[in-house]
């Protein structure tokens, strides 16, 4: 009886561990996304944008300054933003926040 119970508990534990690992690998990490070029002058692009539904750009004071829906675009204009640092929030297809990245906006020299 004790042996059977031990085997059952071991199986449940193994299933729990494997399901946790598969959940972690299925969700994208911050390292899975990149803004380029950075620093940027006119436009930015996002790597793995097929996982992204929306791009929100915020000033360092927290004010939203731009927002884009990702509809197959490859470049997003930022030429009207003043030079400085910005936070770019990526929203996934399920409207959950994927990550927040830093962006350095510079003028053309």
N, C-alpha and C. Protein backbone atom coordinates (compact mmCIF):
# COMPACT_ATOMS: atom_id res chain seq x y z
N UNK A 1 0.82 -1.20 0.00
CA UNK A 1 0.00 0.00 0.00
C UNK A 1 0.87 1.26 0.00
N UNK A 2 1.89 1.30 0.88
CA UNK A 2 2.76 2.47 0.94
C UNK A 2 3.54 2.63 -0.36
N UNK A 3 3.94 1.51 -0.93
CA UNK A 3 4.70 1.56 -2.17
C UNK A 3 3.84 2.11 -3.32
N UNK A 4 2.60 1.69 -3.40
CA UNK A 4 1.69 2.17 -4.43
C UNK A 4 1.44 3.66 -4.27
N UNK A 5 1.24 4.10 -3.04
CA UNK A 5 1.03 5.51 -2.77
C UNK A 5 2.26 6.32 -3.15
N UNK A 6 3.44 5.82 -2.86
CA UNK A 6 4.68 6.50 -3.22
C UNK A 6 4.83 6.62 -4.74
N UNK A 7 4.48 5.57 -5.46
CA UNK A 7 4.55 5.61 -6.92
C UNK A 7 3.58 6.63 -7.49
N UNK A 8 2.37 6.68 -6.96
CA UNK A 8 1.36 7.63 -7.43
C UNK A 8 1.81 9.07 -7.16
N UNK A 9 2.32 9.33 -5.96
CA UNK A 9 2.80 10.68 -5.64
C UNK A 9 3.98 11.08 -6.52
N UNK A 10 4.86 10.15 -6.81
CA UNK A 10 6.00 10.43 -7.69
C UNK A 10 5.52 10.78 -9.09
N UNK A 11 4.53 10.08 -9.58
CA UNK A 11 3.99 10.38 -10.92
C UNK A 11 3.35 11.76 -10.96
N UNK A 12 2.58 12.10 -9.92
CA UNK A 12 1.97 13.43 -9.87
C UNK A 12 3.04 14.52 -9.82
N UNK A 13 4.08 14.31 -9.04
CA UNK A 13 5.16 15.29 -8.94
C UNK A 13 5.86 15.46 -10.28
N UNK A 14 6.16 14.36 -10.95
CA UNK A 14 6.83 14.43 -12.25
C UNK A 14 5.96 15.17 -13.26
N UNK A 15 4.66 14.91 -13.26
CA UNK A 15 3.76 15.61 -14.17
C UNK A 15 3.73 17.10 -13.86
N UNK A 16 3.73 17.46 -12.59
CA UNK A 16 3.73 18.87 -12.19
C UNK A 16 5.00 19.56 -12.68
N UNK A 17 6.16 18.95 -12.48
CA UNK A 17 7.43 19.53 -12.89
C UNK A 17 7.47 19.72 -14.41
N UNK A 18 7.05 18.71 -15.17
CA UNK A 18 7.08 18.82 -16.63
C UNK A 18 6.10 19.88 -17.13
N UNK A 19 4.94 20.00 -16.50
CA UNK A 19 3.97 21.01 -16.94
C UNK A 19 4.48 22.41 -16.62
N UNK A 20 5.17 22.61 -15.50
CA UNK A 20 5.74 23.91 -15.17
C UNK A 20 6.82 24.31 -16.17
N UNK A 21 7.67 23.37 -16.55
CA UNK A 21 8.72 23.66 -17.52
C UNK A 21 8.14 24.02 -18.88
N UNK A 22 7.09 23.34 -19.30
CA UNK A 22 6.50 23.66 -20.61
C UNK A 22 5.80 25.00 -20.58
N UNK A 23 5.21 25.40 -19.46
CA UNK A 23 4.58 26.71 -19.36
C UNK A 23 5.62 27.82 -19.42
N UNK A 24 6.75 27.62 -18.75
CA UNK A 24 7.78 28.64 -18.74
C UNK A 24 8.39 28.81 -20.12
N UNK A 25 8.59 27.73 -20.84
CA UNK A 25 9.21 27.86 -22.16
C UNK A 25 8.23 28.39 -23.20
N UNK A 26 6.93 28.27 -22.94
CA UNK A 26 5.94 28.75 -23.91
C UNK A 26 5.76 30.27 -23.84
N UNK A 27 6.01 30.87 -22.68
CA UNK A 27 5.82 32.31 -22.58
C UNK A 27 7.10 33.04 -22.97
N UNK A 28 6.98 34.07 -23.79
CA UNK A 28 8.17 34.79 -24.24
C UNK A 28 8.83 35.56 -23.09
N UNK A 29 10.14 35.71 -23.18
CA UNK A 29 10.91 36.44 -22.17
C UNK A 29 11.35 37.77 -22.75
N UNK A 30 11.83 38.64 -21.87
CA UNK A 30 12.30 39.95 -22.31
C UNK A 30 13.40 39.82 -23.37
N UNK A 31 14.25 38.80 -23.21
CA UNK A 31 15.35 38.62 -24.15
C UNK A 31 14.85 38.21 -25.54
N UNK A 32 13.60 37.78 -25.64
CA UNK A 32 13.04 37.37 -26.93
C UNK A 32 12.68 38.57 -27.81
N UNK A 33 12.71 39.77 -27.25
CA UNK A 33 12.33 40.97 -27.99
C UNK A 33 13.48 41.96 -28.01
N UNK A 34 13.54 42.73 -29.09
CA UNK A 34 14.58 43.74 -29.23
C UNK A 34 14.06 44.89 -30.09
N UNK A 35 14.43 46.10 -29.72
CA UNK A 35 14.12 47.28 -30.53
C UNK A 35 15.36 47.60 -31.34
N UNK A 36 15.18 47.82 -32.61
CA UNK A 36 16.33 48.21 -33.43
C UNK A 36 15.88 49.22 -34.47
N UNK A 37 16.71 50.14 -34.90
CA UNK A 37 18.00 50.45 -34.28
C UNK A 37 17.77 51.13 -32.94
N UNK A 38 18.74 51.05 -32.09
CA UNK A 38 18.68 51.69 -30.78
C UNK A 38 20.07 52.15 -30.42
N UNK A 39 20.38 53.43 -30.46
CA UNK A 39 19.50 54.58 -30.58
C UNK A 39 18.88 54.70 -31.98
N UNK A 40 17.71 55.29 -32.00
CA UNK A 40 16.94 55.42 -33.24
C UNK A 40 16.79 56.89 -33.61
N UNK A 41 16.58 57.13 -34.91
CA UNK A 41 16.41 58.50 -35.41
C UNK A 41 14.99 58.70 -35.93
N UNK A 42 14.59 57.92 -36.94
CA UNK A 42 13.30 58.12 -37.60
C UNK A 42 12.27 57.04 -37.29
N UNK A 43 12.70 55.77 -37.35
CA UNK A 43 11.79 54.63 -37.20
C UNK A 43 12.42 53.58 -36.29
N UNK A 44 11.55 52.77 -35.69
CA UNK A 44 12.02 51.62 -34.93
C UNK A 44 11.33 50.37 -35.47
N UNK A 45 11.95 49.24 -35.23
CA UNK A 45 11.36 47.95 -35.54
C UNK A 45 11.49 47.07 -34.30
N UNK A 46 10.66 46.04 -34.24
CA UNK A 46 10.63 45.14 -33.09
C UNK A 46 10.90 43.73 -33.59
N UNK A 47 11.85 43.05 -32.96
CA UNK A 47 12.06 41.65 -33.30
C UNK A 47 10.92 40.82 -32.68
N UNK A 48 10.58 39.71 -33.32
CA UNK A 48 9.48 38.83 -32.89
C UNK A 48 8.15 39.57 -32.79
N UNK A 49 7.92 40.51 -33.70
CA UNK A 49 6.67 41.28 -33.61
C UNK A 49 5.44 40.46 -33.97
N UNK A 50 5.63 39.22 -34.42
CA UNK A 50 4.47 38.36 -34.67
C UNK A 50 3.79 37.96 -33.36
N UNK A 51 4.48 38.11 -32.22
CA UNK A 51 3.91 37.83 -30.91
C UNK A 51 3.27 39.06 -30.28
N UNK A 52 3.46 40.22 -30.93
CA UNK A 52 3.03 41.50 -30.36
C UNK A 52 1.77 41.99 -31.04
N UNK A 53 0.84 42.51 -30.24
CA UNK A 53 -0.41 43.06 -30.75
C UNK A 53 -0.39 44.59 -30.76
N UNK A 54 0.29 45.18 -29.77
CA UNK A 54 0.29 46.63 -29.63
C UNK A 54 1.63 47.09 -29.06
N UNK A 55 2.06 48.29 -29.49
CA UNK A 55 3.28 48.92 -29.00
C UNK A 55 2.90 50.25 -28.39
N UNK A 56 3.23 50.44 -27.12
CA UNK A 56 2.99 51.71 -26.44
C UNK A 56 4.33 52.32 -26.08
N UNK A 57 4.51 53.60 -26.38
CA UNK A 57 5.74 54.30 -26.05
C UNK A 57 5.42 55.35 -24.99
N UNK A 58 6.21 55.34 -23.90
CA UNK A 58 6.00 56.24 -22.78
C UNK A 58 7.25 57.08 -22.54
N UNK A 59 7.03 58.32 -22.10
CA UNK A 59 8.15 59.14 -21.64
C UNK A 59 8.59 58.60 -20.29
N UNK A 60 9.73 59.07 -19.78
CA UNK A 60 10.21 58.60 -18.48
C UNK A 60 9.34 59.10 -17.33
N UNK A 61 8.47 60.06 -17.59
CA UNK A 61 7.54 60.53 -16.56
C UNK A 61 6.27 59.68 -16.54
N UNK A 62 6.15 58.72 -17.46
CA UNK A 62 5.00 57.83 -17.49
C UNK A 62 3.89 58.24 -18.43
N UNK A 63 4.07 59.33 -19.16
CA UNK A 63 3.05 59.80 -20.10
C UNK A 63 3.16 59.01 -21.40
N UNK A 64 2.04 58.47 -21.87
CA UNK A 64 2.04 57.76 -23.15
C UNK A 64 2.15 58.78 -24.28
N UNK A 65 3.17 58.61 -25.13
CA UNK A 65 3.41 59.56 -26.20
C UNK A 65 3.08 58.99 -27.58
N UNK A 66 3.05 57.68 -27.71
CA UNK A 66 2.71 57.03 -28.98
C UNK A 66 2.11 55.66 -28.70
N UNK A 67 1.31 55.20 -29.64
CA UNK A 67 0.75 53.85 -29.56
C UNK A 67 0.54 53.34 -30.98
N UNK A 68 0.92 52.10 -31.21
CA UNK A 68 0.77 51.49 -32.53
C UNK A 68 0.12 50.13 -32.40
N UNK A 69 -0.77 49.82 -33.33
CA UNK A 69 -1.26 48.45 -33.48
C UNK A 69 -0.34 47.75 -34.46
N UNK A 70 0.03 46.54 -34.15
CA UNK A 70 0.94 45.79 -35.01
C UNK A 70 0.09 45.04 -36.03
N UNK A 71 0.06 45.54 -37.25
CA UNK A 71 -0.74 44.94 -38.31
C UNK A 71 0.14 44.64 -39.52
N UNK A 72 1.23 43.95 -39.28
CA UNK A 72 2.13 43.61 -40.37
C UNK A 72 3.11 44.71 -40.73
N UNK A 73 3.10 45.81 -39.97
CA UNK A 73 4.08 46.87 -40.22
C UNK A 73 5.46 46.36 -39.84
N UNK A 74 6.47 46.90 -40.48
CA UNK A 74 7.83 46.53 -40.12
C UNK A 74 8.57 47.67 -39.45
N UNK A 75 8.10 48.91 -39.64
CA UNK A 75 8.75 50.07 -39.04
C UNK A 75 7.69 51.00 -38.46
N UNK A 76 8.03 51.59 -37.32
CA UNK A 76 7.10 52.48 -36.62
C UNK A 76 7.78 53.84 -36.47
N UNK A 77 7.16 54.91 -37.00
CA UNK A 77 7.80 56.23 -37.00
C UNK A 77 7.88 56.85 -35.60
N UNK A 78 9.04 57.40 -35.30
CA UNK A 78 9.24 58.12 -34.04
C UNK A 78 9.93 59.47 -34.30
N UNK A 79 9.96 59.90 -35.56
CA UNK A 79 10.69 61.12 -35.92
C UNK A 79 10.13 62.38 -35.26
N UNK A 80 8.87 62.36 -34.85
CA UNK A 80 8.28 63.54 -34.22
C UNK A 80 8.51 63.59 -32.71
N UNK A 81 9.15 62.57 -32.14
CA UNK A 81 9.44 62.58 -30.70
C UNK A 81 10.71 63.40 -30.42
N UNK A 82 10.72 64.12 -29.31
CA UNK A 82 11.95 64.83 -28.93
C UNK A 82 13.05 63.82 -28.56
N UNK A 83 14.29 64.25 -28.67
CA UNK A 83 15.40 63.40 -28.27
C UNK A 83 15.27 63.03 -26.80
N UNK A 84 15.67 61.83 -26.46
CA UNK A 84 15.63 61.41 -25.06
C UNK A 84 15.41 59.92 -24.92
N UNK A 85 15.17 59.52 -23.68
CA UNK A 85 14.92 58.12 -23.36
C UNK A 85 13.42 57.87 -23.23
N UNK A 86 13.00 56.70 -23.71
CA UNK A 86 11.60 56.32 -23.67
C UNK A 86 11.49 54.86 -23.23
N UNK A 87 10.32 54.49 -22.75
CA UNK A 87 10.01 53.11 -22.42
C UNK A 87 9.02 52.60 -23.45
N UNK A 88 9.32 51.44 -24.01
CA UNK A 88 8.46 50.84 -25.03
C UNK A 88 7.84 49.59 -24.42
N UNK A 89 6.53 49.61 -24.29
CA UNK A 89 5.81 48.48 -23.71
C UNK A 89 5.21 47.66 -24.85
N UNK A 90 5.47 46.35 -24.82
CA UNK A 90 4.93 45.45 -25.83
C UNK A 90 3.78 44.66 -25.23
N UNK A 91 2.64 44.71 -25.92
CA UNK A 91 1.43 44.02 -25.48
C UNK A 91 1.20 42.84 -26.41
N UNK A 92 0.92 41.67 -25.85
CA UNK A 92 0.75 40.45 -26.63
C UNK A 92 -0.63 40.31 -27.24
N UNK A 93 -0.80 39.22 -27.97
CA UNK A 93 -2.07 38.94 -28.65
C UNK A 93 -3.22 38.77 -27.66
N UNK A 94 -2.92 38.34 -26.43
CA UNK A 94 -3.97 38.15 -25.42
C UNK A 94 -4.12 39.39 -24.53
N UNK A 95 -3.58 40.54 -25.00
CA UNK A 95 -3.63 41.82 -24.30
C UNK A 95 -2.90 41.81 -22.96
N UNK A 96 -1.96 40.91 -22.80
CA UNK A 96 -1.11 40.88 -21.61
C UNK A 96 0.21 41.56 -21.93
N UNK A 97 0.79 42.24 -20.95
CA UNK A 97 2.08 42.90 -21.15
C UNK A 97 3.16 41.85 -21.31
N UNK A 98 3.88 41.92 -22.42
CA UNK A 98 4.97 40.97 -22.66
C UNK A 98 6.26 41.45 -22.00
N UNK A 99 6.60 42.69 -22.23
CA UNK A 99 7.83 43.25 -21.67
C UNK A 99 7.85 44.75 -21.87
N UNK A 100 8.80 45.40 -21.22
CA UNK A 100 9.05 46.82 -21.41
C UNK A 100 10.54 46.98 -21.72
N UNK A 101 10.83 47.70 -22.79
CA UNK A 101 12.20 47.91 -23.25
C UNK A 101 12.53 49.39 -23.26
N UNK A 102 13.81 49.71 -23.17
CA UNK A 102 14.25 51.11 -23.24
C UNK A 102 14.58 51.49 -24.67
N UNK A 103 14.29 52.73 -25.00
CA UNK A 103 14.57 53.27 -26.33
C UNK A 103 15.27 54.60 -26.17
N UNK A 104 16.35 54.79 -26.92
CA UNK A 104 17.06 56.06 -26.96
C UNK A 104 16.77 56.71 -28.30
N UNK A 105 16.09 57.86 -28.28
CA UNK A 105 15.75 58.59 -29.50
C UNK A 105 16.76 59.72 -29.68
N UNK A 106 17.38 59.75 -30.86
CA UNK A 106 18.38 60.79 -31.17
C UNK A 106 18.01 61.45 -32.48
N UNK A 107 18.56 62.64 -32.69
CA UNK A 107 18.33 63.33 -33.96
C UNK A 107 19.40 62.92 -34.96
N UNK A 108 19.10 63.08 -36.23
CA UNK A 108 20.07 62.77 -37.28
C UNK A 108 21.20 63.79 -37.22
N UNK A 109 22.40 63.30 -37.40
CA UNK A 109 23.56 64.21 -37.32
C UNK A 109 24.24 64.35 -38.64
